[in-house]
Amino acid sequence: MFRRSRTQSTARPAPASFPRVEYVPMSLAELAAYERVMLHADERRRIARPDIGYRGHRQETIGHLYRSAGAASVTEPDPEKVRIPLQKASFLDLEFAIHDIEVYGGNPEIAREARHLLNRFNALLGQQRAVIHMGGTPVFDPDAPAPVSVDHPSLPGRQ
């Protein structure tokens, strides 16, 4: 058995800080487009590669986003102003969906829509707002100032 000498420090190192979770605001129209892209990508992959098997990650993400949409509608009653927090980590899901649509012969219009969503979400990074949790579901803090809108004319519901 080893003994620690009195001259050796017993202080523990400071705990590592957790990476900051970044969220961008997504409108209800963008949520519908996001869902359309994800479901189309899953369908194309399932048809082209039945050997891969079913993966429900994208459907789980969509379910989480709809829960956030419901919580956001509590803090903002106007459906046109509802903003759903989308984690930056979900951008990778969108990139994989674009890949699946293009590789497995999906609809090029839906792939284009996915690229527009990805570009818009990347443009919104850096315009952070505080996120609170309502029953474990992330929503933007209604008391925090809203970021400047970056609208994309090709997205559904935009003119």
N, C-alpha and C. Protein backbone atom coordinates (compact mmCIF):
# COMPACT_ATOMS: atom_id res chain seq x y z
N MET A 1 0.84 -1.17 0.00
CA MET A 1 0.00 0.00 0.00
C MET A 1 0.89 1.24 0.00
N PHE A 2 0.52 2.22 -0.77
CA PHE A 2 1.29 3.44 -0.87
C PHE A 2 0.69 4.51 0.01
N ARG A 3 1.55 5.30 0.57
CA ARG A 3 1.10 6.44 1.38
C ARG A 3 1.47 7.72 0.67
N ARG A 4 0.62 8.63 0.78
CA ARG A 4 0.86 9.93 0.18
C ARG A 4 1.66 10.77 1.15
N SER A 5 2.66 11.40 0.65
CA SER A 5 3.48 12.23 1.53
C SER A 5 2.70 13.50 1.87
N ARG A 6 3.00 14.09 2.99
CA ARG A 6 2.32 15.31 3.41
C ARG A 6 2.61 16.48 2.49
N THR A 7 3.68 16.41 1.76
CA THR A 7 4.01 17.52 0.87
C THR A 7 3.26 17.45 -0.46
N GLN A 8 2.69 16.29 -0.77
CA GLN A 8 1.93 16.18 -2.01
C GLN A 8 0.55 16.78 -1.81
N SER A 9 0.10 17.45 -2.81
CA SER A 9 -1.20 18.09 -2.74
C SER A 9 -2.32 17.07 -2.90
N THR A 10 -3.36 17.24 -2.15
CA THR A 10 -4.53 16.37 -2.27
C THR A 10 -5.67 17.11 -2.95
N ALA A 11 -5.41 18.30 -3.43
CA ALA A 11 -6.46 19.08 -4.09
C ALA A 11 -6.84 18.42 -5.40
N ARG A 12 -8.10 18.43 -5.67
CA ARG A 12 -8.60 17.84 -6.91
C ARG A 12 -8.59 18.90 -8.00
N PRO A 13 -8.38 18.48 -9.22
CA PRO A 13 -8.43 19.46 -10.32
C PRO A 13 -9.86 19.97 -10.49
N ALA A 14 -9.96 21.14 -11.04
CA ALA A 14 -11.28 21.72 -11.28
C ALA A 14 -12.03 20.85 -12.28
N PRO A 15 -13.33 20.69 -12.09
CA PRO A 15 -14.09 19.85 -13.03
C PRO A 15 -14.09 20.49 -14.42
N ALA A 16 -14.10 19.63 -15.41
CA ALA A 16 -14.13 20.12 -16.79
C ALA A 16 -15.46 20.79 -17.05
N SER A 17 -15.43 21.87 -17.77
CA SER A 17 -16.68 22.56 -18.08
C SER A 17 -17.39 21.83 -19.21
N PHE A 18 -18.70 21.85 -19.17
CA PHE A 18 -19.50 21.21 -20.21
C PHE A 18 -19.55 22.13 -21.42
N PRO A 19 -19.58 21.54 -22.60
CA PRO A 19 -19.68 22.41 -23.78
C PRO A 19 -21.04 23.10 -23.79
N ARG A 20 -21.06 24.30 -24.29
CA ARG A 20 -22.30 25.08 -24.35
C ARG A 20 -23.19 24.51 -25.45
N VAL A 21 -24.44 24.26 -25.11
CA VAL A 21 -25.39 23.78 -26.10
C VAL A 21 -25.94 25.00 -26.82
N GLU A 22 -25.81 25.00 -28.13
CA GLU A 22 -26.29 26.12 -28.93
C GLU A 22 -27.63 25.77 -29.57
N TYR A 23 -28.55 26.71 -29.52
CA TYR A 23 -29.88 26.54 -30.10
C TYR A 23 -30.13 27.65 -31.10
N VAL A 24 -30.81 27.33 -32.18
CA VAL A 24 -31.27 28.34 -33.13
C VAL A 24 -32.79 28.25 -33.19
N PRO A 25 -33.46 29.37 -33.49
CA PRO A 25 -34.92 29.35 -33.55
C PRO A 25 -35.44 28.78 -34.86
N MET A 26 -36.45 27.93 -34.74
CA MET A 26 -37.09 27.31 -35.90
C MET A 26 -38.58 27.66 -35.84
N SER A 27 -39.12 28.10 -36.96
CA SER A 27 -40.55 28.41 -37.01
C SER A 27 -41.36 27.13 -37.22
N LEU A 28 -42.68 27.24 -37.09
CA LEU A 28 -43.53 26.08 -37.30
C LEU A 28 -43.46 25.60 -38.76
N ALA A 29 -43.36 26.54 -39.71
CA ALA A 29 -43.23 26.17 -41.13
C ALA A 29 -41.91 25.44 -41.36
N GLU A 30 -40.85 25.89 -40.71
CA GLU A 30 -39.56 25.22 -40.83
C GLU A 30 -39.58 23.84 -40.19
N LEU A 31 -40.33 23.70 -39.10
CA LEU A 31 -40.47 22.39 -38.46
C LEU A 31 -41.17 21.42 -39.41
N ALA A 32 -42.20 21.88 -40.10
CA ALA A 32 -42.89 21.03 -41.08
C ALA A 32 -41.94 20.64 -42.21
N ALA A 33 -41.12 21.58 -42.67
CA ALA A 33 -40.15 21.28 -43.73
C ALA A 33 -39.09 20.31 -43.22
N TYR A 34 -38.61 20.51 -42.00
CA TYR A 34 -37.61 19.64 -41.38
C TYR A 34 -38.16 18.21 -41.30
N GLU A 35 -39.41 18.09 -40.86
CA GLU A 35 -40.04 16.77 -40.76
C GLU A 35 -40.15 16.12 -42.13
N ARG A 36 -40.57 16.88 -43.13
CA ARG A 36 -40.70 16.36 -44.49
C ARG A 36 -39.35 15.83 -45.01
N VAL A 37 -38.28 16.58 -44.76
CA VAL A 37 -36.94 16.18 -45.19
C VAL A 37 -36.52 14.89 -44.50
N MET A 38 -36.67 14.85 -43.18
CA MET A 38 -36.23 13.69 -42.41
C MET A 38 -36.99 12.43 -42.78
N LEU A 39 -38.30 12.53 -42.94
CA LEU A 39 -39.10 11.36 -43.29
C LEU A 39 -38.78 10.88 -44.70
N HIS A 40 -38.56 11.82 -45.63
CA HIS A 40 -38.21 11.44 -47.00
C HIS A 40 -36.84 10.74 -47.02
N ALA A 41 -35.89 11.26 -46.28
CA ALA A 41 -34.56 10.64 -46.23
C ALA A 41 -34.65 9.23 -45.64
N ASP A 42 -35.43 9.05 -44.59
CA ASP A 42 -35.61 7.71 -44.01
C ASP A 42 -36.25 6.75 -45.00
N GLU A 43 -37.27 7.25 -45.70
CA GLU A 43 -37.96 6.41 -46.68
C GLU A 43 -37.00 5.99 -47.80
N ARG A 44 -36.22 6.92 -48.32
CA ARG A 44 -35.28 6.60 -49.40
C ARG A 44 -34.24 5.58 -48.94
N ARG A 45 -33.71 5.77 -47.75
CA ARG A 45 -32.71 4.84 -47.24
C ARG A 45 -33.32 3.46 -46.99
N ARG A 46 -34.52 3.43 -46.46
CA ARG A 46 -35.20 2.15 -46.16
C ARG A 46 -35.48 1.37 -47.45
N ILE A 47 -35.88 2.07 -48.51
CA ILE A 47 -36.17 1.41 -49.78
C ILE A 47 -34.88 0.92 -50.44
N ALA A 48 -33.87 1.78 -50.47
CA ALA A 48 -32.62 1.44 -51.16
C ALA A 48 -31.75 0.47 -50.38
N ARG A 49 -31.81 0.54 -49.06
CA ARG A 49 -30.93 -0.29 -48.22
C ARG A 49 -31.72 -0.99 -47.11
N PRO A 50 -32.55 -1.95 -47.46
CA PRO A 50 -33.29 -2.65 -46.40
C PRO A 50 -32.39 -3.45 -45.46
N ASP A 51 -31.15 -3.72 -45.91
CA ASP A 51 -30.21 -4.47 -45.09
C ASP A 51 -29.71 -3.68 -43.88
N ILE A 52 -29.83 -2.36 -43.94
CA ILE A 52 -29.35 -1.53 -42.83
C ILE A 52 -30.27 -1.65 -41.62
N GLY A 53 -31.55 -1.81 -41.88
CA GLY A 53 -32.50 -1.92 -40.78
C GLY A 53 -33.06 -0.56 -40.40
N TYR A 54 -34.03 -0.60 -39.51
CA TYR A 54 -34.73 0.62 -39.10
C TYR A 54 -33.95 1.33 -38.01
N ARG A 55 -33.84 2.65 -38.16
CA ARG A 55 -33.26 3.51 -37.13
C ARG A 55 -34.27 4.60 -36.82
N GLY A 56 -34.66 4.73 -35.59
CA GLY A 56 -35.69 5.69 -35.23
C GLY A 56 -35.18 7.02 -34.71
N HIS A 57 -33.88 7.30 -34.88
CA HIS A 57 -33.32 8.53 -34.31
C HIS A 57 -33.98 9.78 -34.88
N ARG A 58 -34.20 9.80 -36.18
CA ARG A 58 -34.80 11.00 -36.79
C ARG A 58 -36.22 11.22 -36.29
N GLN A 59 -37.00 10.14 -36.15
CA GLN A 59 -38.36 10.28 -35.64
C GLN A 59 -38.35 10.76 -34.19
N GLU A 60 -37.37 10.30 -33.41
CA GLU A 60 -37.26 10.77 -32.03
C GLU A 60 -36.97 12.26 -31.99
N THR A 61 -36.06 12.72 -32.85
CA THR A 61 -35.73 14.14 -32.91
C THR A 61 -36.96 14.96 -33.29
N ILE A 62 -37.73 14.48 -34.27
CA ILE A 62 -38.95 15.18 -34.68
C ILE A 62 -39.93 15.24 -33.51
N GLY A 63 -40.06 14.14 -32.77
CA GLY A 63 -40.95 14.14 -31.60
C GLY A 63 -40.53 15.16 -30.56
N HIS A 64 -39.21 15.26 -30.30
CA HIS A 64 -38.70 16.25 -29.35
C HIS A 64 -39.01 17.66 -29.83
N LEU A 65 -38.87 17.89 -31.12
CA LEU A 65 -39.14 19.23 -31.67
C LEU A 65 -40.62 19.58 -31.55
N TYR A 66 -41.50 18.62 -31.77
CA TYR A 66 -42.93 18.91 -31.62
C TYR A 66 -43.29 19.16 -30.16
N ARG A 67 -42.63 18.47 -29.23
CA ARG A 67 -42.85 18.78 -27.81
C ARG A 67 -42.40 20.21 -27.51
N SER A 68 -41.27 20.61 -28.07
CA SER A 68 -40.80 21.98 -27.89
C SER A 68 -41.77 22.97 -28.53
N ALA A 69 -42.35 22.59 -29.67
CA ALA A 69 -43.33 23.47 -30.32
C ALA A 69 -44.55 23.66 -29.43
N GLY A 70 -44.99 22.59 -28.79
CA GLY A 70 -46.12 22.70 -27.88
C GLY A 70 -45.81 23.58 -26.69
N ALA A 71 -44.61 23.42 -26.13
CA ALA A 71 -44.21 24.25 -25.00
C ALA A 71 -44.03 25.70 -25.45
N ALA A 72 -43.48 25.91 -26.64
CA ALA A 72 -43.28 27.27 -27.14
C ALA A 72 -44.62 27.97 -27.38
N SER A 73 -45.63 27.20 -27.77
CA SER A 73 -46.94 27.82 -28.02
C SER A 73 -47.58 28.29 -26.72
N VAL A 74 -47.13 27.76 -25.59
CA VAL A 74 -47.63 28.23 -24.29
C VAL A 74 -47.05 29.62 -23.99
N THR A 75 -45.78 29.82 -24.35
CA THR A 75 -45.14 31.10 -24.06
C THR A 75 -45.43 32.14 -25.14
N GLU A 76 -45.84 31.70 -26.35
CA GLU A 76 -46.14 32.62 -27.45
C GLU A 76 -47.41 32.13 -28.15
N PRO A 77 -48.55 32.75 -27.86
CA PRO A 77 -49.82 32.26 -28.42
C PRO A 77 -49.97 32.47 -29.93
N ASP A 78 -49.26 33.41 -30.52
CA ASP A 78 -49.37 33.67 -31.96
C ASP A 78 -48.54 32.63 -32.73
N PRO A 79 -49.19 31.75 -33.52
CA PRO A 79 -48.44 30.69 -34.23
C PRO A 79 -47.38 31.24 -35.19
N GLU A 80 -47.55 32.43 -35.70
CA GLU A 80 -46.56 33.02 -36.62
C GLU A 80 -45.28 33.41 -35.89
N LYS A 81 -45.37 33.63 -34.58
CA LYS A 81 -44.21 34.07 -33.81
C LYS A 81 -43.56 32.95 -32.99
N VAL A 82 -44.16 31.76 -33.00
CA VAL A 82 -43.60 30.64 -32.23
C VAL A 82 -42.24 30.28 -32.79
N ARG A 83 -41.26 30.15 -31.91
CA ARG A 83 -39.91 29.74 -32.30
C ARG A 83 -39.50 28.55 -31.45
N ILE A 84 -39.10 27.49 -32.11
CA ILE A 84 -38.74 26.24 -31.48
C ILE A 84 -37.23 26.14 -31.41
N PRO A 85 -36.65 25.84 -30.25
CA PRO A 85 -35.19 25.71 -30.17
C PRO A 85 -34.71 24.43 -30.86
N LEU A 86 -33.81 24.59 -31.81
CA LEU A 86 -33.18 23.47 -32.50
C LEU A 86 -31.72 23.46 -32.11
N GLN A 87 -31.26 22.32 -31.56
CA GLN A 87 -29.86 22.23 -31.15
C GLN A 87 -28.95 22.20 -32.37
N LYS A 88 -27.79 22.81 -32.21
CA LYS A 88 -26.80 22.80 -33.27
C LYS A 88 -26.43 21.37 -33.65
N ALA A 89 -26.45 20.46 -32.70
CA ALA A 89 -26.13 19.06 -32.97
C ALA A 89 -27.08 18.45 -34.00
N SER A 90 -28.30 18.96 -34.10
CA SER A 90 -29.26 18.45 -35.08
C SER A 90 -28.92 18.84 -36.51
N PHE A 91 -27.99 19.79 -36.68
CA PHE A 91 -27.56 20.16 -38.03
C PHE A 91 -26.95 18.95 -38.73
N LEU A 92 -26.24 18.12 -37.96
CA LEU A 92 -25.60 16.93 -38.53
C LEU A 92 -26.66 15.97 -39.06
N ASP A 93 -27.79 15.84 -38.35
CA ASP A 93 -28.89 15.01 -38.83
C ASP A 93 -29.38 15.51 -40.19
N LEU A 94 -29.46 16.81 -40.33
CA LEU A 94 -29.90 17.41 -41.59
C LEU A 94 -28.88 17.14 -42.70
N GLU A 95 -27.60 17.22 -42.38
CA GLU A 95 -26.57 16.92 -43.37
C GLU A 95 -26.64 15.46 -43.81
N PHE A 96 -26.85 14.54 -42.86
CA PHE A 96 -26.98 13.13 -43.21
C PHE A 96 -28.24 12.88 -44.03
N ALA A 97 -29.32 13.60 -43.73
CA ALA A 97 -30.56 13.46 -44.50
C ALA A 97 -30.33 13.90 -45.94
N ILE A 98 -29.62 15.00 -46.14
CA ILE A 98 -29.29 15.47 -47.50
C ILE A 98 -28.50 14.39 -48.22
N HIS A 99 -27.52 13.83 -47.54
CA HIS A 99 -26.71 12.76 -48.12
C HIS A 99 -27.58 11.58 -48.53
N ASP A 100 -28.47 11.13 -47.63
CA ASP A 100 -29.32 9.99 -47.93
C ASP A 100 -30.25 10.27 -49.10
N ILE A 101 -30.80 11.47 -49.17
CA ILE A 101 -31.69 11.82 -50.28
C ILE A 101 -30.93 11.80 -51.60
N GLU A 102 -29.73 12.36 -51.61
CA GLU A 102 -28.96 12.42 -52.85
C GLU A 102 -28.42 11.05 -53.26
N VAL A 103 -27.92 10.26 -52.32
CA VAL A 103 -27.32 8.97 -52.63
C VAL A 103 -28.38 7.93 -53.01
N TYR A 104 -29.52 7.95 -52.33
CA TYR A 104 -30.53 6.92 -52.53
C TYR A 104 -31.67 7.37 -53.45
N GLY A 105 -31.41 8.35 -54.30
CA GLY A 105 -32.37 8.72 -55.35
C GLY A 105 -33.63 9.40 -54.87
N GLY A 106 -33.48 10.29 -53.91
CA GLY A 106 -34.64 11.01 -53.40
C GLY A 106 -35.02 12.19 -54.28
N ASN A 107 -36.04 12.87 -53.88
CA ASN A 107 -36.56 14.03 -54.60
C ASN A 107 -35.57 15.19 -54.48
N PRO A 108 -35.07 15.71 -55.62
CA PRO A 108 -34.10 16.81 -55.56
C PRO A 108 -34.68 18.09 -54.96
N GLU A 109 -35.99 18.28 -55.09
CA GLU A 109 -36.61 19.48 -54.49
C GLU A 109 -36.54 19.40 -52.96
N ILE A 110 -36.73 18.22 -52.42
CA ILE A 110 -36.66 18.07 -50.96
C ILE A 110 -35.21 18.22 -50.50
N ALA A 111 -34.26 17.74 -51.28
CA ALA A 111 -32.84 17.94 -50.94
C ALA A 111 -32.50 19.43 -50.97
N ARG A 112 -33.03 20.16 -51.94
CA ARG A 112 -32.79 21.60 -52.03
C ARG A 112 -33.40 22.30 -50.81
N GLU A 113 -34.59 21.89 -50.45
CA GLU A 113 -35.26 22.45 -49.26
C GLU A 113 -34.42 22.19 -48.00
N ALA A 114 -33.84 21.01 -47.91
CA ALA A 114 -32.99 20.66 -46.76
C ALA A 114 -31.74 21.54 -46.72
N ARG A 115 -31.13 21.79 -47.88
CA ARG A 115 -29.95 22.66 -47.91
C ARG A 115 -30.29 24.09 -47.50
N HIS A 116 -31.48 24.56 -47.92
CA HIS A 116 -31.92 25.91 -47.52
C HIS A 116 -32.12 25.98 -46.01
N LEU A 117 -32.73 24.94 -45.44
CA LEU A 117 -32.90 24.91 -43.98
C LEU A 117 -31.54 24.92 -43.28
N LEU A 118 -30.63 24.09 -43.75
CA LEU A 118 -29.31 24.02 -43.14
C LEU A 118 -28.59 25.35 -43.23
N ASN A 119 -28.67 26.01 -44.39
CA ASN A 119 -28.04 27.33 -44.55
C ASN A 119 -28.66 28.35 -43.62
N ARG A 120 -29.97 28.33 -43.49
CA ARG A 120 -30.65 29.29 -42.60
C ARG A 120 -30.25 29.06 -41.15
N PHE A 121 -30.23 27.80 -40.72
CA PHE A 121 -29.87 27.50 -39.34
C PHE A 121 -28.43 27.89 -39.05
N ASN A 122 -27.53 27.67 -40.00
CA ASN A 122 -26.14 28.10 -39.82
C ASN A 122 -26.04 29.61 -39.75
N ALA A 123 -26.87 30.31 -40.52
CA ALA A 123 -26.86 31.77 -40.49
C ALA A 123 -27.33 32.30 -39.14
N LEU A 124 -28.18 31.54 -38.46
CA LEU A 124 -28.72 31.99 -37.17
C LEU A 124 -27.78 31.72 -36.00
N LEU A 125 -26.74 30.91 -36.21
CA LEU A 125 -25.80 30.67 -35.11
C LEU A 125 -25.18 32.00 -34.69
N GLY A 126 -24.99 32.15 -33.44
CA GLY A 126 -24.43 33.39 -32.93
C GLY A 126 -25.50 34.37 -32.48
N GLN A 127 -26.74 34.10 -32.83
CA GLN A 127 -27.85 34.95 -32.37
C GLN A 127 -28.58 34.21 -31.26
N GLN A 128 -27.83 33.93 -30.21
CA GLN A 128 -28.34 33.13 -29.11
C GLN A 128 -29.37 33.88 -28.28
N ARG A 129 -30.31 33.11 -27.76
CA ARG A 129 -31.26 33.59 -26.76
C ARG A 129 -31.24 32.59 -25.63
N ALA A 130 -31.66 33.04 -24.49
CA ALA A 130 -31.69 32.14 -23.33
C ALA A 130 -32.74 31.06 -23.55
N VAL A 131 -32.41 29.86 -23.14
CA VAL A 131 -33.32 28.72 -23.23
C VAL A 131 -33.65 28.30 -21.81
N ILE A 132 -34.94 28.08 -21.57
CA ILE A 132 -35.39 27.54 -20.30
C ILE A 132 -36.01 26.17 -20.59
N HIS A 133 -36.25 25.41 -19.55
CA HIS A 133 -36.85 24.09 -19.73
C HIS A 133 -38.20 24.06 -19.01
N MET A 134 -39.20 23.63 -19.73
CA MET A 134 -40.54 23.46 -19.18
C MET A 134 -40.81 21.96 -19.12
N GLY A 135 -40.71 21.39 -17.94
CA GLY A 135 -40.91 19.96 -17.80
C GLY A 135 -39.87 19.17 -18.57
N GLY A 136 -38.65 19.68 -18.67
CA GLY A 136 -37.59 19.00 -19.38
C GLY A 136 -37.53 19.33 -20.87
N THR A 137 -38.48 20.11 -21.36
CA THR A 137 -38.54 20.46 -22.77
C THR A 137 -37.96 21.86 -22.96
N PRO A 138 -36.95 22.01 -23.85
CA PRO A 138 -36.36 23.34 -24.04
C PRO A 138 -37.29 24.29 -24.80
N VAL A 139 -37.38 25.51 -24.30
CA VAL A 139 -38.10 26.60 -24.98
C VAL A 139 -37.28 27.87 -24.79
N PHE A 140 -37.45 28.79 -25.72
CA PHE A 140 -36.76 30.06 -25.56
C PHE A 140 -37.42 30.84 -24.43
N ASP A 141 -36.59 31.50 -23.64
CA ASP A 141 -37.09 32.31 -22.53
C ASP A 141 -37.92 33.45 -23.11
N PRO A 142 -39.20 33.54 -22.74
CA PRO A 142 -40.04 34.59 -23.31
C PRO A 142 -39.61 36.00 -22.90
N ASP A 143 -38.83 36.13 -21.84
CA ASP A 143 -38.38 37.44 -21.39
C ASP A 143 -37.08 37.87 -22.06
N ALA A 144 -36.42 36.97 -22.77
CA ALA A 144 -35.16 37.30 -23.45
C ALA A 144 -35.47 37.97 -24.79
N PRO A 145 -34.65 38.92 -25.20
CA PRO A 145 -34.90 39.58 -26.48
C PRO A 145 -34.74 38.61 -27.64
N ALA A 146 -35.58 38.77 -28.66
CA ALA A 146 -35.52 37.91 -29.84
C ALA A 146 -34.40 38.38 -30.76
N PRO A 147 -33.72 37.44 -31.43
CA PRO A 147 -32.68 37.83 -32.38
C PRO A 147 -33.30 38.40 -33.64
N VAL A 148 -32.48 39.02 -34.44
CA VAL A 148 -32.91 39.56 -35.72
C VAL A 148 -33.26 38.39 -36.62
N SER A 149 -34.38 38.47 -37.32
CA SER A 149 -34.83 37.39 -38.17
C SER A 149 -34.01 37.33 -39.46
N VAL A 150 -33.67 36.12 -39.85
CA VAL A 150 -32.99 35.90 -41.12
C VAL A 150 -33.92 35.01 -41.93
N ASP A 151 -34.81 35.61 -42.71
CA ASP A 151 -35.78 34.85 -43.48
C ASP A 151 -35.18 34.39 -44.78
N HIS A 152 -35.63 33.23 -45.19
CA HIS A 152 -35.18 32.67 -46.45
C HIS A 152 -36.41 32.58 -47.35
N PRO A 153 -36.45 33.29 -48.48
CA PRO A 153 -37.67 33.34 -49.30
C PRO A 153 -38.11 31.99 -49.85
N SER A 154 -37.23 31.01 -49.93
CA SER A 154 -37.62 29.73 -50.53
C SER A 154 -38.25 28.78 -49.53
N LEU A 155 -38.26 29.13 -48.25
CA LEU A 155 -38.84 28.23 -47.26
C LEU A 155 -40.36 28.35 -47.26
N PRO A 156 -41.05 27.26 -46.91
CA PRO A 156 -42.51 27.32 -46.88
C PRO A 156 -42.99 28.40 -45.93
N GLY A 157 -44.05 29.06 -46.33
CA GLY A 157 -44.63 30.09 -45.48
C GLY A 157 -43.92 31.43 -45.61
N ARG A 158 -42.93 31.54 -46.46
CA ARG A 158 -42.21 32.79 -46.66
C ARG A 158 -42.58 33.38 -48.02
N GLN A 159 -42.57 34.65 -48.11
CA GLN A 159 -42.87 35.32 -49.39
C GLN A 159 -41.63 36.00 -49.91
